[in-house]
Amino acid sequence: MNYDLEERTAKFGEAIIIFCKNLKQESINKPVINQIVRSATSIGANYCEANAASSKKDFRNKIFICKKEAQETKHWLRMMAQCEPNKKENLKKLWQECQELTLIFGKIVSKLKN
């Protein structure tokens, strides 16, 4: 089975962008939108950097950043649920995908430590 994590992280970032583009920006949700787009798209960007890493240590560090960005994104998704209570179903799906990415990157980090 061909499993493309680079494509999966890119699709997740795109899904976040599409979700946020469809929101009416207001004073409360605007900073959350900004944060969520930054952290969610950073997951894929850091994964691309990991794939071009110059050493095993560099690879591990970039994968750890992917995990941290995914965890941060879950936080912002939770905050967005408070800003946009009528969008909770969409947010739940995005959060679940982000949780899976967090677990995947966590597993990669733990395997690299061994």
C-alpha atoms as a PDB file:
ATOM      1  CA  MET A   1       0.000   0.000   0.000  1.00  0.00           C
ATOM      2  CA  ASN A   2       1.361   3.403  -0.975  1.00  0.00           C
ATOM      3  CA  TYR A   3       0.843   5.752   1.957  1.00  0.00           C
ATOM      4  CA  ASP A   4       1.661   9.387   1.185  1.00  0.00           C
ATOM      5  CA  LEU A   5       1.910  11.406   4.384  1.00  0.00           C
ATOM      6  CA  GLU A   6       3.109  14.457   2.455  1.00  0.00           C
ATOM      7  CA  GLU A   7      -0.130  14.434   0.447  1.00  0.00           C
ATOM      8  CA  ARG A   8      -2.227  13.798   3.563  1.00  0.00           C
ATOM      9  CA  THR A   9      -0.716  16.743   5.444  1.00  0.00           C
ATOM     10  CA  ALA A  10      -1.183  18.973   2.366  1.00  0.00           C
ATOM     11  CA  LYS A  11      -4.843  17.928   2.054  1.00  0.00           C
ATOM     12  CA  PHE A  12      -5.366  18.675   5.752  1.00  0.00           C
ATOM     13  CA  GLY A  13      -3.888  22.163   5.341  1.00  0.00           C
ATOM     14  CA  GLU A  14      -6.099  22.744   2.309  1.00  0.00           C
ATOM     15  CA  ALA A  15      -9.186  21.581   4.219  1.00  0.00           C
ATOM     16  CA  ILE A  16      -8.391  24.086   6.987  1.00  0.00           C
ATOM     17  CA  ILE A  17      -7.925  26.902   4.443  1.00  0.00           C
ATOM     18  CA  ILE A  18     -11.241  26.068   2.739  1.00  0.00           C
ATOM     19  CA  PHE A  19     -13.020  25.893   6.102  1.00  0.00           C
ATOM     20  CA  CYS A  20     -11.609  29.249   7.235  1.00  0.00           C
ATOM     21  CA  LYS A  21     -12.274  30.986   3.894  1.00  0.00           C
ATOM     22  CA  ASN A  22     -15.963  30.224   4.336  1.00  0.00           C
ATOM     23  CA  LEU A  23     -16.163  31.890   7.750  1.00  0.00           C
ATOM     24  CA  LYS A  24     -17.348  35.438   8.251  1.00  0.00           C
ATOM     25  CA  GLN A  25     -14.375  37.135   9.885  1.00  0.00           C
ATOM     26  CA  GLU A  26     -15.238  38.991  13.064  1.00  0.00           C
ATOM     27  CA  SER A  27     -13.142  40.485  15.850  1.00  0.00           C
ATOM     28  CA  ILE A  28     -13.356  37.321  17.966  1.00  0.00           C
ATOM     29  CA  ASN A  29     -12.669  34.664  15.352  1.00  0.00           C
ATOM     30  CA  LYS A  30     -10.150  36.560  13.181  1.00  0.00           C
ATOM     31  CA  PRO A  31      -7.114  35.895  15.439  1.00  0.00           C
ATOM     32  CA  VAL A  32      -8.171  32.237  15.806  1.00  0.00           C
ATOM     33  CA  ILE A  33      -8.490  31.886  12.020  1.00  0.00           C
ATOM     34  CA  ASN A  34      -5.000  33.343  11.632  1.00  0.00           C
ATOM     35  CA  GLN A  35      -3.509  30.952  14.198  1.00  0.00           C
ATOM     36  CA  ILE A  36      -5.285  27.861  12.924  1.00  0.00           C
ATOM     37  CA  VAL A  37      -4.237  28.458   9.308  1.00  0.00           C
ATOM     38  CA  ARG A  38      -0.629  29.024  10.374  1.00  0.00           C
ATOM     39  CA  SER A  39      -0.322  25.936  12.567  1.00  0.00           C
ATOM     40  CA  ALA A  40      -2.311  23.602  10.276  1.00  0.00           C
ATOM     41  CA  THR A  41      -0.382  24.495   7.128  1.00  0.00           C
ATOM     42  CA  SER A  42       2.899  24.334   9.033  1.00  0.00           C
ATOM     43  CA  ILE A  43       2.407  20.590   9.614  1.00  0.00           C
ATOM     44  CA  GLY A  44       2.815  19.803   5.926  1.00  0.00           C
ATOM     45  CA  ALA A  45       5.560  22.366   5.391  1.00  0.00           C
ATOM     46  CA  ASN A  46       7.643  20.862   8.191  1.00  0.00           C
ATOM     47  CA  TYR A  47       7.011  17.365   6.887  1.00  0.00           C
ATOM     48  CA  CYS A  48       8.375  18.427   3.491  1.00  0.00           C
ATOM     49  CA  GLU A  49      11.422  19.825   5.295  1.00  0.00           C
ATOM     50  CA  ALA A  50      11.809  16.564   7.210  1.00  0.00           C
ATOM     51  CA  ASN A  51      11.888  14.635   3.940  1.00  0.00           C
ATOM     52  CA  ALA A  52      14.759  16.849   2.789  1.00  0.00           C
ATOM     53  CA  ALA A  53      16.589  16.647   6.116  1.00  0.00           C
ATOM     54  CA  SER A  54      20.388  16.629   6.129  1.00  0.00           C
ATOM     55  CA  SER A  55      20.704  14.130   8.982  1.00  0.00           C
ATOM     56  CA  LYS A  56      18.712  11.743  11.163  1.00  0.00           C
ATOM     57  CA  LYS A  57      18.780  14.345  13.961  1.00  0.00           C
ATOM     58  CA  ASP A  58      17.470  17.036  11.593  1.00  0.00           C
ATOM     59  CA  PHE A  59      14.728  14.635  10.406  1.00  0.00           C
ATOM     60  CA  ARG A  60      13.708  13.828  14.006  1.00  0.00           C
ATOM     61  CA  ASN A  61      13.590  17.528  14.925  1.00  0.00           C
ATOM     62  CA  LYS A  62      11.361  18.375  11.955  1.00  0.00           C
ATOM     63  CA  ILE A  63       9.034  15.439  12.683  1.00  0.00           C
ATOM     64  CA  PHE A  64       8.805  16.608  16.307  1.00  0.00           C
ATOM     65  CA  ILE A  65       7.820  20.072  15.031  1.00  0.00           C
ATOM     66  CA  CYS A  66       5.108  18.410  12.890  1.00  0.00           C
ATOM     67  CA  LYS A  67       3.740  16.786  16.037  1.00  0.00           C
ATOM     68  CA  LYS A  68       3.863  20.070  17.978  1.00  0.00           C
ATOM     69  CA  GLU A  69       2.099  21.961  15.182  1.00  0.00           C
ATOM     70  CA  ALA A  70      -0.598  19.279  15.019  1.00  0.00           C
ATOM     71  CA  GLN A  71      -1.128  19.546  18.784  1.00  0.00           C
ATOM     72  CA  GLU A  72      -1.342  23.331  18.501  1.00  0.00           C
ATOM     73  CA  THR A  73      -3.843  23.018  15.649  1.00  0.00           C
ATOM     74  CA  LYS A  74      -6.081  20.818  17.823  1.00  0.00           C
ATOM     75  CA  HIS A  75      -6.079  23.598  20.435  1.00  0.00           C
ATOM     76  CA  TRP A  76      -7.106  26.210  17.862  1.00  0.00           C
ATOM     77  CA  LEU A  77      -9.809  23.924  16.484  1.00  0.00           C
ATOM     78  CA  ARG A  78     -11.225  23.694  20.005  1.00  0.00           C
ATOM     79  CA  MET A  79     -11.166  27.486  20.330  1.00  0.00           C
ATOM     80  CA  MET A  80     -12.822  27.816  16.922  1.00  0.00           C
ATOM     81  CA  ALA A  81     -15.662  25.598  18.146  1.00  0.00           C
ATOM     82  CA  GLN A  82     -16.403  28.324  20.700  1.00  0.00           C
ATOM     83  CA  CYS A  83     -16.245  31.058  18.060  1.00  0.00           C
ATOM     84  CA  GLU A  84     -18.371  29.098  15.581  1.00  0.00           C
ATOM     85  CA  PRO A  85     -20.721  26.792  17.523  1.00  0.00           C
ATOM     86  CA  ASN A  86     -22.797  26.126  14.385  1.00  0.00           C
ATOM     87  CA  LYS A  87     -19.713  24.599  12.684  1.00  0.00           C
ATOM     88  CA  LYS A  88     -18.938  22.007  15.371  1.00  0.00           C
ATOM     89  CA  GLU A  89     -19.537  18.984  13.110  1.00  0.00           C
ATOM     90  CA  ASN A  90     -17.022  20.205  10.515  1.00  0.00           C
ATOM     91  CA  LEU A  91     -14.586  21.138  13.260  1.00  0.00           C
ATOM     92  CA  LYS A  92     -14.929  17.701  14.851  1.00  0.00           C
ATOM     93  CA  LYS A  93     -13.922  16.027  11.557  1.00  0.00           C
ATOM     94  CA  LEU A  94     -10.946  18.349  11.165  1.00  0.00           C
ATOM     95  CA  TRP A  95      -9.950  17.722  14.799  1.00  0.00           C
ATOM     96  CA  GLN A  96     -10.133  13.943  14.279  1.00  0.00           C
ATOM     97  CA  GLU A  97      -7.849  14.115  11.239  1.00  0.00           C
ATOM     98  CA  CYS A  98      -5.472  16.337  13.195  1.00  0.00           C
ATOM     99  CA  GLN A  99      -5.510  13.860  16.084  1.00  0.00           C
ATOM    100  CA  GLU A 100      -4.559  11.048  13.685  1.00  0.00           C
ATOM    101  CA  LEU A 101      -1.687  13.157  12.336  1.00  0.00           C
ATOM    102  CA  THR A 102      -0.557  13.871  15.911  1.00  0.00           C
ATOM    103  CA  LEU A 103      -0.524  10.135  16.676  1.00  0.00           C
ATOM    104  CA  ILE A 104       1.337   9.320  13.437  1.00  0.00           C
ATOM    105  CA  PHE A 105       4.048  11.898  14.104  1.00  0.00           C
ATOM    106  CA  GLY A 106       4.242  10.824  17.744  1.00  0.00           C
ATOM    107  CA  LYS A 107       4.814   7.229  16.633  1.00  0.00           C
ATOM    108  CA  ILE A 108       7.542   8.287  14.189  1.00  0.00           C
ATOM    109  CA  VAL A 109       9.289  10.337  16.920  1.00  0.00           C
ATOM    110  CA  SER A 110       9.136   7.440  19.394  1.00  0.00           C
ATOM    111  CA  LYS A 111      10.518   4.975  16.813  1.00  0.00           C
ATOM    112  CA  LEU A 112      13.384   7.343  16.028  1.00  0.00           C
ATOM    113  CA  LYS A 113      14.336   7.493  19.719  1.00  0.00           C
ATOM    114  CA  ASN A 114      14.840   3.717  19.787  1.00  0.00           C
END
